[in-house]
Amino acid sequence: IKDVGFNTVVFDVKPLSGELAYPS
């Protein structure tokens, strides 16, 4: 992502299912 030239990442931590990307 950095090499291509993006400067911002949006990470989906809570999708429609309501489940979470991380241990909560």
PDBML (XML) file of the C-alpha atoms, coordinates in Angstrom:
<?xml version="1.0" encoding="UTF-8" ?>
<PDBx:datablock datablockName="MODEL"
   xmlns:PDBx="http://pdbml.pdb.org/schema/pdbx-v50.xsd"
   xmlns:xsi="http://www.w3.org/2001/XMLSchema-instance"
   xsi:schemaLocation="http://pdbml.pdb.org/schema/pdbx-v50.xsd pdbx-v50.xsd">
   <PDBx:atom_siteCategory>
      <PDBx:atom_site id="1">
         <PDBx:B_iso_or_equiv>0.00</PDBx:B_iso_or_equiv>
         <PDBx:Cartn_x>0.000</PDBx:Cartn_x>
         <PDBx:Cartn_y>0.000</PDBx:Cartn_y>
         <PDBx:Cartn_z>0.000</PDBx:Cartn_z>
         <PDBx:auth_asym_id>A</PDBx:auth_asym_id>
         <PDBx:auth_atom_id>CA</PDBx:auth_atom_id>
         <PDBx:auth_comp_id>ILE</PDBx:auth_comp_id>
         <PDBx:auth_seq_id>1</PDBx:auth_seq_id>
         <PDBx:group_PDB>ATOM</PDBx:group_PDB>
         <PDBx:label_alt_id xsi:nil="true" />
         <PDBx:label_asym_id>A</PDBx:label_asym_id>
         <PDBx:label_atom_id>CA</PDBx:label_atom_id>
         <PDBx:label_comp_id>ILE</PDBx:label_comp_id>
         <PDBx:label_entity_id>1</PDBx:label_entity_id>
         <PDBx:label_seq_id>1</PDBx:label_seq_id>
         <PDBx:occupancy>1.00</PDBx:occupancy>
         <PDBx:pdbx_PDB_model_num>1</PDBx:pdbx_PDB_model_num>
         <PDBx:type_symbol>C</PDBx:type_symbol>
      </PDBx:atom_site>
      <PDBx:atom_site id="2">
         <PDBx:B_iso_or_equiv>0.00</PDBx:B_iso_or_equiv>
         <PDBx:Cartn_x>2.836</PDBx:Cartn_x>
         <PDBx:Cartn_y>2.381</PDBx:Cartn_y>
         <PDBx:Cartn_z>0.874</PDBx:Cartn_z>
         <PDBx:auth_asym_id>A</PDBx:auth_asym_id>
         <PDBx:auth_atom_id>CA</PDBx:auth_atom_id>
         <PDBx:auth_comp_id>LYS</PDBx:auth_comp_id>
         <PDBx:auth_seq_id>2</PDBx:auth_seq_id>
         <PDBx:group_PDB>ATOM</PDBx:group_PDB>
         <PDBx:label_alt_id xsi:nil="true" />
         <PDBx:label_asym_id>A</PDBx:label_asym_id>
         <PDBx:label_atom_id>CA</PDBx:label_atom_id>
         <PDBx:label_comp_id>LYS</PDBx:label_comp_id>
         <PDBx:label_entity_id>1</PDBx:label_entity_id>
         <PDBx:label_seq_id>2</PDBx:label_seq_id>
         <PDBx:occupancy>1.00</PDBx:occupancy>
         <PDBx:pdbx_PDB_model_num>1</PDBx:pdbx_PDB_model_num>
         <PDBx:type_symbol>C</PDBx:type_symbol>
      </PDBx:atom_site>
      <PDBx:atom_site id="3">
         <PDBx:B_iso_or_equiv>0.00</PDBx:B_iso_or_equiv>
         <PDBx:Cartn_x>4.846</PDBx:Cartn_x>
         <PDBx:Cartn_y>1.437</PDBx:Cartn_y>
         <PDBx:Cartn_z>-2.213</PDBx:Cartn_z>
         <PDBx:auth_asym_id>A</PDBx:auth_asym_id>
         <PDBx:auth_atom_id>CA</PDBx:auth_atom_id>
         <PDBx:auth_comp_id>ASP</PDBx:auth_comp_id>
         <PDBx:auth_seq_id>3</PDBx:auth_seq_id>
         <PDBx:group_PDB>ATOM</PDBx:group_PDB>
         <PDBx:label_alt_id xsi:nil="true" />
         <PDBx:label_asym_id>A</PDBx:label_asym_id>
         <PDBx:label_atom_id>CA</PDBx:label_atom_id>
         <PDBx:label_comp_id>ASP</PDBx:label_comp_id>
         <PDBx:label_entity_id>1</PDBx:label_entity_id>
         <PDBx:label_seq_id>3</PDBx:label_seq_id>
         <PDBx:occupancy>1.00</PDBx:occupancy>
         <PDBx:pdbx_PDB_model_num>1</PDBx:pdbx_PDB_model_num>
         <PDBx:type_symbol>C</PDBx:type_symbol>
      </PDBx:atom_site>
      <PDBx:atom_site id="4">
         <PDBx:B_iso_or_equiv>0.00</PDBx:B_iso_or_equiv>
         <PDBx:Cartn_x>1.911</PDBx:Cartn_x>
         <PDBx:Cartn_y>2.075</PDBx:Cartn_y>
         <PDBx:Cartn_z>-4.559</PDBx:Cartn_z>
         <PDBx:auth_asym_id>A</PDBx:auth_asym_id>
         <PDBx:auth_atom_id>CA</PDBx:auth_atom_id>
         <PDBx:auth_comp_id>VAL</PDBx:auth_comp_id>
         <PDBx:auth_seq_id>4</PDBx:auth_seq_id>
         <PDBx:group_PDB>ATOM</PDBx:group_PDB>
         <PDBx:label_alt_id xsi:nil="true" />
         <PDBx:label_asym_id>A</PDBx:label_asym_id>
         <PDBx:label_atom_id>CA</PDBx:label_atom_id>
         <PDBx:label_comp_id>VAL</PDBx:label_comp_id>
         <PDBx:label_entity_id>1</PDBx:label_entity_id>
         <PDBx:label_seq_id>4</PDBx:label_seq_id>
         <PDBx:occupancy>1.00</PDBx:occupancy>
         <PDBx:pdbx_PDB_model_num>1</PDBx:pdbx_PDB_model_num>
         <PDBx:type_symbol>C</PDBx:type_symbol>
      </PDBx:atom_site>
      <PDBx:atom_site id="5">
         <PDBx:B_iso_or_equiv>0.00</PDBx:B_iso_or_equiv>
         <PDBx:Cartn_x>1.427</PDBx:Cartn_x>
         <PDBx:Cartn_y>5.576</PDBx:Cartn_y>
         <PDBx:Cartn_z>-3.159</PDBx:Cartn_z>
         <PDBx:auth_asym_id>A</PDBx:auth_asym_id>
         <PDBx:auth_atom_id>CA</PDBx:auth_atom_id>
         <PDBx:auth_comp_id>GLY</PDBx:auth_comp_id>
         <PDBx:auth_seq_id>5</PDBx:auth_seq_id>
         <PDBx:group_PDB>ATOM</PDBx:group_PDB>
         <PDBx:label_alt_id xsi:nil="true" />
         <PDBx:label_asym_id>A</PDBx:label_asym_id>
         <PDBx:label_atom_id>CA</PDBx:label_atom_id>
         <PDBx:label_comp_id>GLY</PDBx:label_comp_id>
         <PDBx:label_entity_id>1</PDBx:label_entity_id>
         <PDBx:label_seq_id>5</PDBx:label_seq_id>
         <PDBx:occupancy>1.00</PDBx:occupancy>
         <PDBx:pdbx_PDB_model_num>1</PDBx:pdbx_PDB_model_num>
         <PDBx:type_symbol>C</PDBx:type_symbol>
      </PDBx:atom_site>
      <PDBx:atom_site id="6">
         <PDBx:B_iso_or_equiv>0.00</PDBx:B_iso_or_equiv>
         <PDBx:Cartn_x>-1.591</PDBx:Cartn_x>
         <PDBx:Cartn_y>5.473</PDBx:Cartn_y>
         <PDBx:Cartn_z>-0.872</PDBx:Cartn_z>
         <PDBx:auth_asym_id>A</PDBx:auth_asym_id>
         <PDBx:auth_atom_id>CA</PDBx:auth_atom_id>
         <PDBx:auth_comp_id>PHE</PDBx:auth_comp_id>
         <PDBx:auth_seq_id>6</PDBx:auth_seq_id>
         <PDBx:group_PDB>ATOM</PDBx:group_PDB>
         <PDBx:label_alt_id xsi:nil="true" />
         <PDBx:label_asym_id>A</PDBx:label_asym_id>
         <PDBx:label_atom_id>CA</PDBx:label_atom_id>
         <PDBx:label_comp_id>PHE</PDBx:label_comp_id>
         <PDBx:label_entity_id>1</PDBx:label_entity_id>
         <PDBx:label_seq_id>6</PDBx:label_seq_id>
         <PDBx:occupancy>1.00</PDBx:occupancy>
         <PDBx:pdbx_PDB_model_num>1</PDBx:pdbx_PDB_model_num>
         <PDBx:type_symbol>C</PDBx:type_symbol>
      </PDBx:atom_site>
      <PDBx:atom_site id="7">
         <PDBx:B_iso_or_equiv>0.00</PDBx:B_iso_or_equiv>
         <PDBx:Cartn_x>-1.346</PDBx:Cartn_x>
         <PDBx:Cartn_y>7.546</PDBx:Cartn_y>
         <PDBx:Cartn_z>2.289</PDBx:Cartn_z>
         <PDBx:auth_asym_id>A</PDBx:auth_asym_id>
         <PDBx:auth_atom_id>CA</PDBx:auth_atom_id>
         <PDBx:auth_comp_id>ASN</PDBx:auth_comp_id>
         <PDBx:auth_seq_id>7</PDBx:auth_seq_id>
         <PDBx:group_PDB>ATOM</PDBx:group_PDB>
         <PDBx:label_alt_id xsi:nil="true" />
         <PDBx:label_asym_id>A</PDBx:label_asym_id>
         <PDBx:label_atom_id>CA</PDBx:label_atom_id>
         <PDBx:label_comp_id>ASN</PDBx:label_comp_id>
         <PDBx:label_entity_id>1</PDBx:label_entity_id>
         <PDBx:label_seq_id>7</PDBx:label_seq_id>
         <PDBx:occupancy>1.00</PDBx:occupancy>
         <PDBx:pdbx_PDB_model_num>1</PDBx:pdbx_PDB_model_num>
         <PDBx:type_symbol>C</PDBx:type_symbol>
      </PDBx:atom_site>
      <PDBx:atom_site id="8">
         <PDBx:B_iso_or_equiv>0.00</PDBx:B_iso_or_equiv>
         <PDBx:Cartn_x>-4.483</PDBx:Cartn_x>
         <PDBx:Cartn_y>6.443</PDBx:Cartn_y>
         <PDBx:Cartn_z>4.165</PDBx:Cartn_z>
         <PDBx:auth_asym_id>A</PDBx:auth_asym_id>
         <PDBx:auth_atom_id>CA</PDBx:auth_atom_id>
         <PDBx:auth_comp_id>THR</PDBx:auth_comp_id>
         <PDBx:auth_seq_id>8</PDBx:auth_seq_id>
         <PDBx:group_PDB>ATOM</PDBx:group_PDB>
         <PDBx:label_alt_id xsi:nil="true" />
         <PDBx:label_asym_id>A</PDBx:label_asym_id>
         <PDBx:label_atom_id>CA</PDBx:label_atom_id>
         <PDBx:label_comp_id>THR</PDBx:label_comp_id>
         <PDBx:label_entity_id>1</PDBx:label_entity_id>
         <PDBx:label_seq_id>8</PDBx:label_seq_id>
         <PDBx:occupancy>1.00</PDBx:occupancy>
         <PDBx:pdbx_PDB_model_num>1</PDBx:pdbx_PDB_model_num>
         <PDBx:type_symbol>C</PDBx:type_symbol>
      </PDBx:atom_site>
      <PDBx:atom_site id="9">
         <PDBx:B_iso_or_equiv>0.00</PDBx:B_iso_or_equiv>
         <PDBx:Cartn_x>-5.912</PDBx:Cartn_x>
         <PDBx:Cartn_y>3.022</PDBx:Cartn_y>
         <PDBx:Cartn_z>5.024</PDBx:Cartn_z>
         <PDBx:auth_asym_id>A</PDBx:auth_asym_id>
         <PDBx:auth_atom_id>CA</PDBx:auth_atom_id>
         <PDBx:auth_comp_id>VAL</PDBx:auth_comp_id>
         <PDBx:auth_seq_id>9</PDBx:auth_seq_id>
         <PDBx:group_PDB>ATOM</PDBx:group_PDB>
         <PDBx:label_alt_id xsi:nil="true" />
         <PDBx:label_asym_id>A</PDBx:label_asym_id>
         <PDBx:label_atom_id>CA</PDBx:label_atom_id>
         <PDBx:label_comp_id>VAL</PDBx:label_comp_id>
         <PDBx:label_entity_id>1</PDBx:label_entity_id>
         <PDBx:label_seq_id>9</PDBx:label_seq_id>
         <PDBx:occupancy>1.00</PDBx:occupancy>
         <PDBx:pdbx_PDB_model_num>1</PDBx:pdbx_PDB_model_num>
         <PDBx:type_symbol>C</PDBx:type_symbol>
      </PDBx:atom_site>
      <PDBx:atom_site id="10">
         <PDBx:B_iso_or_equiv>0.00</PDBx:B_iso_or_equiv>
         <PDBx:Cartn_x>-9.507</PDBx:Cartn_x>
         <PDBx:Cartn_y>2.526</PDBx:Cartn_y>
         <PDBx:Cartn_z>6.142</PDBx:Cartn_z>
         <PDBx:auth_asym_id>A</PDBx:auth_asym_id>
         <PDBx:auth_atom_id>CA</PDBx:auth_atom_id>
         <PDBx:auth_comp_id>VAL</PDBx:auth_comp_id>
         <PDBx:auth_seq_id>10</PDBx:auth_seq_id>
         <PDBx:group_PDB>ATOM</PDBx:group_PDB>
         <PDBx:label_alt_id xsi:nil="true" />
         <PDBx:label_asym_id>A</PDBx:label_asym_id>
         <PDBx:label_atom_id>CA</PDBx:label_atom_id>
         <PDBx:label_comp_id>VAL</PDBx:label_comp_id>
         <PDBx:label_entity_id>1</PDBx:label_entity_id>
         <PDBx:label_seq_id>10</PDBx:label_seq_id>
         <PDBx:occupancy>1.00</PDBx:occupancy>
         <PDBx:pdbx_PDB_model_num>1</PDBx:pdbx_PDB_model_num>
         <PDBx:type_symbol>C</PDBx:type_symbol>
      </PDBx:atom_site>
      <PDBx:atom_site id="11">
         <PDBx:B_iso_or_equiv>0.00</PDBx:B_iso_or_equiv>
         <PDBx:Cartn_x>-9.861</PDBx:Cartn_x>
         <PDBx:Cartn_y>-0.809</PDBx:Cartn_y>
         <PDBx:Cartn_z>7.940</PDBx:Cartn_z>
         <PDBx:auth_asym_id>A</PDBx:auth_asym_id>
         <PDBx:auth_atom_id>CA</PDBx:auth_atom_id>
         <PDBx:auth_comp_id>PHE</PDBx:auth_comp_id>
         <PDBx:auth_seq_id>11</PDBx:auth_seq_id>
         <PDBx:group_PDB>ATOM</PDBx:group_PDB>
         <PDBx:label_alt_id xsi:nil="true" />
         <PDBx:label_asym_id>A</PDBx:label_asym_id>
         <PDBx:label_atom_id>CA</PDBx:label_atom_id>
         <PDBx:label_comp_id>PHE</PDBx:label_comp_id>
         <PDBx:label_entity_id>1</PDBx:label_entity_id>
         <PDBx:label_seq_id>11</PDBx:label_seq_id>
         <PDBx:occupancy>1.00</PDBx:occupancy>
         <PDBx:pdbx_PDB_model_num>1</PDBx:pdbx_PDB_model_num>
         <PDBx:type_symbol>C</PDBx:type_symbol>
      </PDBx:atom_site>
      <PDBx:atom_site id="12">
         <PDBx:B_iso_or_equiv>0.00</PDBx:B_iso_or_equiv>
         <PDBx:Cartn_x>-13.330</PDBx:Cartn_x>
         <PDBx:Cartn_y>-2.246</PDBx:Cartn_y>
         <PDBx:Cartn_z>8.462</PDBx:Cartn_z>
         <PDBx:auth_asym_id>A</PDBx:auth_asym_id>
         <PDBx:auth_atom_id>CA</PDBx:auth_atom_id>
         <PDBx:auth_comp_id>ASP</PDBx:auth_comp_id>
         <PDBx:auth_seq_id>12</PDBx:auth_seq_id>
         <PDBx:group_PDB>ATOM</PDBx:group_PDB>
         <PDBx:label_alt_id xsi:nil="true" />
         <PDBx:label_asym_id>A</PDBx:label_asym_id>
         <PDBx:label_atom_id>CA</PDBx:label_atom_id>
         <PDBx:label_comp_id>ASP</PDBx:label_comp_id>
         <PDBx:label_entity_id>1</PDBx:label_entity_id>
         <PDBx:label_seq_id>12</PDBx:label_seq_id>
         <PDBx:occupancy>1.00</PDBx:occupancy>
         <PDBx:pdbx_PDB_model_num>1</PDBx:pdbx_PDB_model_num>
         <PDBx:type_symbol>C</PDBx:type_symbol>
      </PDBx:atom_site>
      <PDBx:atom_site id="13">
         <PDBx:B_iso_or_equiv>0.00</PDBx:B_iso_or_equiv>
         <PDBx:Cartn_x>-13.304</PDBx:Cartn_x>
         <PDBx:Cartn_y>-3.265</PDBx:Cartn_y>
         <PDBx:Cartn_z>12.143</PDBx:Cartn_z>
         <PDBx:auth_asym_id>A</PDBx:auth_asym_id>
         <PDBx:auth_atom_id>CA</PDBx:auth_atom_id>
         <PDBx:auth_comp_id>VAL</PDBx:auth_comp_id>
         <PDBx:auth_seq_id>13</PDBx:auth_seq_id>
         <PDBx:group_PDB>ATOM</PDBx:group_PDB>
         <PDBx:label_alt_id xsi:nil="true" />
         <PDBx:label_asym_id>A</PDBx:label_asym_id>
         <PDBx:label_atom_id>CA</PDBx:label_atom_id>
         <PDBx:label_comp_id>VAL</PDBx:label_comp_id>
         <PDBx:label_entity_id>1</PDBx:label_entity_id>
         <PDBx:label_seq_id>13</PDBx:label_seq_id>
         <PDBx:occupancy>1.00</PDBx:occupancy>
         <PDBx:pdbx_PDB_model_num>1</PDBx:pdbx_PDB_model_num>
         <PDBx:type_symbol>C</PDBx:type_symbol>
      </PDBx:atom_site>
      <PDBx:atom_site id="14">
         <PDBx:B_iso_or_equiv>0.00</PDBx:B_iso_or_equiv>
         <PDBx:Cartn_x>-17.080</PDBx:Cartn_x>
         <PDBx:Cartn_y>-3.792</PDBx:Cartn_y>
         <PDBx:Cartn_z>12.462</PDBx:Cartn_z>
         <PDBx:auth_asym_id>A</PDBx:auth_asym_id>
         <PDBx:auth_atom_id>CA</PDBx:auth_atom_id>
         <PDBx:auth_comp_id>LYS</PDBx:auth_comp_id>
         <PDBx:auth_seq_id>14</PDBx:auth_seq_id>
         <PDBx:group_PDB>ATOM</PDBx:group_PDB>
         <PDBx:label_alt_id xsi:nil="true" />
         <PDBx:label_asym_id>A</PDBx:label_asym_id>
         <PDBx:label_atom_id>CA</PDBx:label_atom_id>
         <PDBx:label_comp_id>LYS</PDBx:label_comp_id>
         <PDBx:label_entity_id>1</PDBx:label_entity_id>
         <PDBx:label_seq_id>14</PDBx:label_seq_id>
         <PDBx:occupancy>1.00</PDBx:occupancy>
         <PDBx:pdbx_PDB_model_num>1</PDBx:pdbx_PDB_model_num>
         <PDBx:type_symbol>C</PDBx:type_symbol>
      </PDBx:atom_site>
      <PDBx:atom_site id="15">
         <PDBx:B_iso_or_equiv>0.00</PDBx:B_iso_or_equiv>
         <PDBx:Cartn_x>-18.902</PDBx:Cartn_x>
         <PDBx:Cartn_y>-5.057</PDBx:Cartn_y>
         <PDBx:Cartn_z>9.350</PDBx:Cartn_z>
         <PDBx:auth_asym_id>A</PDBx:auth_asym_id>
         <PDBx:auth_atom_id>CA</PDBx:auth_atom_id>
         <PDBx:auth_comp_id>PRO</PDBx:auth_comp_id>
         <PDBx:auth_seq_id>15</PDBx:auth_seq_id>
         <PDBx:group_PDB>ATOM</PDBx:group_PDB>
         <PDBx:label_alt_id xsi:nil="true" />
         <PDBx:label_asym_id>A</PDBx:label_asym_id>
         <PDBx:label_atom_id>CA</PDBx:label_atom_id>
         <PDBx:label_comp_id>PRO</PDBx:label_comp_id>
         <PDBx:label_entity_id>1</PDBx:label_entity_id>
         <PDBx:label_seq_id>15</PDBx:label_seq_id>
         <PDBx:occupancy>1.00</PDBx:occupancy>
         <PDBx:pdbx_PDB_model_num>1</PDBx:pdbx_PDB_model_num>
         <PDBx:type_symbol>C</PDBx:type_symbol>
      </PDBx:atom_site>
      <PDBx:atom_site id="16">
         <PDBx:B_iso_or_equiv>0.00</PDBx:B_iso_or_equiv>
         <PDBx:Cartn_x>-22.643</PDBx:Cartn_x>
         <PDBx:Cartn_y>-5.551</PDBx:Cartn_y>
         <PDBx:Cartn_z>8.871</PDBx:Cartn_z>
         <PDBx:auth_asym_id>A</PDBx:auth_asym_id>
         <PDBx:auth_atom_id>CA</PDBx:auth_atom_id>
         <PDBx:auth_comp_id>LEU</PDBx:auth_comp_id>
         <PDBx:auth_seq_id>16</PDBx:auth_seq_id>
         <PDBx:group_PDB>ATOM</PDBx:group_PDB>
         <PDBx:label_alt_id xsi:nil="true" />
         <PDBx:label_asym_id>A</PDBx:label_asym_id>
         <PDBx:label_atom_id>CA</PDBx:label_atom_id>
         <PDBx:label_comp_id>LEU</PDBx:label_comp_id>
         <PDBx:label_entity_id>1</PDBx:label_entity_id>
         <PDBx:label_seq_id>16</PDBx:label_seq_id>
         <PDBx:occupancy>1.00</PDBx:occupancy>
         <PDBx:pdbx_PDB_model_num>1</PDBx:pdbx_PDB_model_num>
         <PDBx:type_symbol>C</PDBx:type_symbol>
      </PDBx:atom_site>
      <PDBx:atom_site id="17">
         <PDBx:B_iso_or_equiv>0.00</PDBx:B_iso_or_equiv>
         <PDBx:Cartn_x>-22.586</PDBx:Cartn_x>
         <PDBx:Cartn_y>-8.794</PDBx:Cartn_y>
         <PDBx:Cartn_z>10.852</PDBx:Cartn_z>
         <PDBx:auth_asym_id>A</PDBx:auth_asym_id>
         <PDBx:auth_atom_id>CA</PDBx:auth_atom_id>
         <PDBx:auth_comp_id>SER</PDBx:auth_comp_id>
         <PDBx:auth_seq_id>17</PDBx:auth_seq_id>
         <PDBx:group_PDB>ATOM</PDBx:group_PDB>
         <PDBx:label_alt_id xsi:nil="true" />
         <PDBx:label_asym_id>A</PDBx:label_asym_id>
         <PDBx:label_atom_id>CA</PDBx:label_atom_id>
         <PDBx:label_comp_id>SER</PDBx:label_comp_id>
         <PDBx:label_entity_id>1</PDBx:label_entity_id>
         <PDBx:label_seq_id>17</PDBx:label_seq_id>
         <PDBx:occupancy>1.00</PDBx:occupancy>
         <PDBx:pdbx_PDB_model_num>1</PDBx:pdbx_PDB_model_num>
         <PDBx:type_symbol>C</PDBx:type_symbol>
      </PDBx:atom_site>
      <PDBx:atom_site id="18">
         <PDBx:B_iso_or_equiv>0.00</PDBx:B_iso_or_equiv>
         <PDBx:Cartn_x>-21.714</PDBx:Cartn_x>
         <PDBx:Cartn_y>-6.826</PDBx:Cartn_y>
         <PDBx:Cartn_z>14.010</PDBx:Cartn_z>
         <PDBx:auth_asym_id>A</PDBx:auth_asym_id>
         <PDBx:auth_atom_id>CA</PDBx:auth_atom_id>
         <PDBx:auth_comp_id>GLY</PDBx:auth_comp_id>
         <PDBx:auth_seq_id>18</PDBx:auth_seq_id>
         <PDBx:group_PDB>ATOM</PDBx:group_PDB>
         <PDBx:label_alt_id xsi:nil="true" />
         <PDBx:label_asym_id>A</PDBx:label_asym_id>
         <PDBx:label_atom_id>CA</PDBx:label_atom_id>
         <PDBx:label_comp_id>GLY</PDBx:label_comp_id>
         <PDBx:label_entity_id>1</PDBx:label_entity_id>
         <PDBx:label_seq_id>18</PDBx:label_seq_id>
         <PDBx:occupancy>1.00</PDBx:occupancy>
         <PDBx:pdbx_PDB_model_num>1</PDBx:pdbx_PDB_model_num>
         <PDBx:type_symbol>C</PDBx:type_symbol>
      </PDBx:atom_site>
      <PDBx:atom_site id="19">
         <PDBx:B_iso_or_equiv>0.00</PDBx:B_iso_or_equiv>
         <PDBx:Cartn_x>-18.715</PDBx:Cartn_x>
         <PDBx:Cartn_y>-9.098</PDBx:Cartn_y>
         <PDBx:Cartn_z>14.573</PDBx:Cartn_z>
         <PDBx:auth_asym_id>A</PDBx:auth_asym_id>
         <PDBx:auth_atom_id>CA</PDBx:auth_atom_id>
         <PDBx:auth_comp_id>GLU</PDBx:auth_comp_id>
         <PDBx:auth_seq_id>19</PDBx:auth_seq_id>
         <PDBx:group_PDB>ATOM</PDBx:group_PDB>
         <PDBx:label_alt_id xsi:nil="true" />
         <PDBx:label_asym_id>A</PDBx:label_asym_id>
         <PDBx:label_atom_id>CA</PDBx:label_atom_id>
         <PDBx:label_comp_id>GLU</PDBx:label_comp_id>
         <PDBx:label_entity_id>1</PDBx:label_entity_id>
         <PDBx:label_seq_id>19</PDBx:label_seq_id>
         <PDBx:occupancy>1.00</PDBx:occupancy>
         <PDBx:pdbx_PDB_model_num>1</PDBx:pdbx_PDB_model_num>
         <PDBx:type_symbol>C</PDBx:type_symbol>
      </PDBx:atom_site>
      <PDBx:atom_site id="20">
         <PDBx:B_iso_or_equiv>0.00</PDBx:B_iso_or_equiv>
         <PDBx:Cartn_x>-15.424</PDBx:Cartn_x>
         <PDBx:Cartn_y>-7.381</PDBx:Cartn_y>
         <PDBx:Cartn_z>15.354</PDBx:Cartn_z>
         <PDBx:auth_asym_id>A</PDBx:auth_asym_id>
         <PDBx:auth_atom_id>CA</PDBx:auth_atom_id>
         <PDBx:auth_comp_id>LEU</PDBx:auth_comp_id>
         <PDBx:auth_seq_id>20</PDBx:auth_seq_id>
         <PDBx:group_PDB>ATOM</PDBx:group_PDB>
         <PDBx:label_alt_id xsi:nil="true" />
         <PDBx:label_asym_id>A</PDBx:label_asym_id>
         <PDBx:label_atom_id>CA</PDBx:label_atom_id>
         <PDBx:label_comp_id>LEU</PDBx:label_comp_id>
         <PDBx:label_entity_id>1</PDBx:label_entity_id>
         <PDBx:label_seq_id>20</PDBx:label_seq_id>
         <PDBx:occupancy>1.00</PDBx:occupancy>
         <PDBx:pdbx_PDB_model_num>1</PDBx:pdbx_PDB_model_num>
         <PDBx:type_symbol>C</PDBx:type_symbol>
      </PDBx:atom_site>
      <PDBx:atom_site id="21">
         <PDBx:B_iso_or_equiv>0.00</PDBx:B_iso_or_equiv>
         <PDBx:Cartn_x>-12.018</PDBx:Cartn_x>
         <PDBx:Cartn_y>-7.597</PDBx:Cartn_y>
         <PDBx:Cartn_z>13.712</PDBx:Cartn_z>
         <PDBx:auth_asym_id>A</PDBx:auth_asym_id>
         <PDBx:auth_atom_id>CA</PDBx:auth_atom_id>
         <PDBx:auth_comp_id>ALA</PDBx:auth_comp_id>
         <PDBx:auth_seq_id>21</PDBx:auth_seq_id>
         <PDBx:group_PDB>ATOM</PDBx:group_PDB>
         <PDBx:label_alt_id xsi:nil="true" />
         <PDBx:label_asym_id>A</PDBx:label_asym_id>
         <PDBx:label_atom_id>CA</PDBx:label_atom_id>
         <PDBx:label_comp_id>ALA</PDBx:label_comp_id>
         <PDBx:label_entity_id>1</PDBx:label_entity_id>
         <PDBx:label_seq_id>21</PDBx:label_seq_id>
         <PDBx:occupancy>1.00</PDBx:occupancy>
         <PDBx:pdbx_PDB_model_num>1</PDBx:pdbx_PDB_model_num>
         <PDBx:type_symbol>C</PDBx:type_symbol>
      </PDBx:atom_site>
      <PDBx:atom_site id="22">
         <PDBx:B_iso_or_equiv>0.00</PDBx:B_iso_or_equiv>
         <PDBx:Cartn_x>-10.205</PDBx:Cartn_x>
         <PDBx:Cartn_y>-7.746</PDBx:Cartn_y>
         <PDBx:Cartn_z>17.043</PDBx:Cartn_z>
         <PDBx:auth_asym_id>A</PDBx:auth_asym_id>
         <PDBx:auth_atom_id>CA</PDBx:auth_atom_id>
         <PDBx:auth_comp_id>TYR</PDBx:auth_comp_id>
         <PDBx:auth_seq_id>22</PDBx:auth_seq_id>
         <PDBx:group_PDB>ATOM</PDBx:group_PDB>
         <PDBx:label_alt_id xsi:nil="true" />
         <PDBx:label_asym_id>A</PDBx:label_asym_id>
         <PDBx:label_atom_id>CA</PDBx:label_atom_id>
         <PDBx:label_comp_id>TYR</PDBx:label_comp_id>
         <PDBx:label_entity_id>1</PDBx:label_entity_id>
         <PDBx:label_seq_id>22</PDBx:label_seq_id>
         <PDBx:occupancy>1.00</PDBx:occupancy>
         <PDBx:pdbx_PDB_model_num>1</PDBx:pdbx_PDB_model_num>
         <PDBx:type_symbol>C</PDBx:type_symbol>
      </PDBx:atom_site>
      <PDBx:atom_site id="23">
         <PDBx:B_iso_or_equiv>0.00</PDBx:B_iso_or_equiv>
         <PDBx:Cartn_x>-10.650</PDBx:Cartn_x>
         <PDBx:Cartn_y>-9.618</PDBx:Cartn_y>
         <PDBx:Cartn_z>20.360</PDBx:Cartn_z>
         <PDBx:auth_asym_id>A</PDBx:auth_asym_id>
         <PDBx:auth_atom_id>CA</PDBx:auth_atom_id>
         <PDBx:auth_comp_id>PRO</PDBx:auth_comp_id>
         <PDBx:auth_seq_id>23</PDBx:auth_seq_id>
         <PDBx:group_PDB>ATOM</PDBx:group_PDB>
         <PDBx:label_alt_id xsi:nil="true" />
         <PDBx:label_asym_id>A</PDBx:label_asym_id>
         <PDBx:label_atom_id>CA</PDBx:label_atom_id>
         <PDBx:label_comp_id>PRO</PDBx:label_comp_id>
         <PDBx:label_entity_id>1</PDBx:label_entity_id>
         <PDBx:label_seq_id>23</PDBx:label_seq_id>
         <PDBx:occupancy>1.00</PDBx:occupancy>
         <PDBx:pdbx_PDB_model_num>1</PDBx:pdbx_PDB_model_num>
         <PDBx:type_symbol>C</PDBx:type_symbol>
      </PDBx:atom_site>
      <PDBx:atom_site id="24">
         <PDBx:B_iso_or_equiv>0.00</PDBx:B_iso_or_equiv>
         <PDBx:Cartn_x>-13.079</PDBx:Cartn_x>
         <PDBx:Cartn_y>-7.491</PDBx:Cartn_y>
         <PDBx:Cartn_z>22.366</PDBx:Cartn_z>
         <PDBx:auth_asym_id>A</PDBx:auth_asym_id>
         <PDBx:auth_atom_id>CA</PDBx:auth_atom_id>
         <PDBx:auth_comp_id>SER</PDBx:auth_comp_id>
         <PDBx:auth_seq_id>24</PDBx:auth_seq_id>
         <PDBx:group_PDB>ATOM</PDBx:group_PDB>
         <PDBx:label_alt_id xsi:nil="true" />
         <PDBx:label_asym_id>A</PDBx:label_asym_id>
         <PDBx:label_atom_id>CA</PDBx:label_atom_id>
         <PDBx:label_comp_id>SER</PDBx:label_comp_id>
         <PDBx:label_entity_id>1</PDBx:label_entity_id>
         <PDBx:label_seq_id>24</PDBx:label_seq_id>
         <PDBx:occupancy>1.00</PDBx:occupancy>
         <PDBx:pdbx_PDB_model_num>1</PDBx:pdbx_PDB_model_num>
         <PDBx:type_symbol>C</PDBx:type_symbol>
      </PDBx:atom_site>
   </PDBx:atom_siteCategory>
</PDBx:datablock>
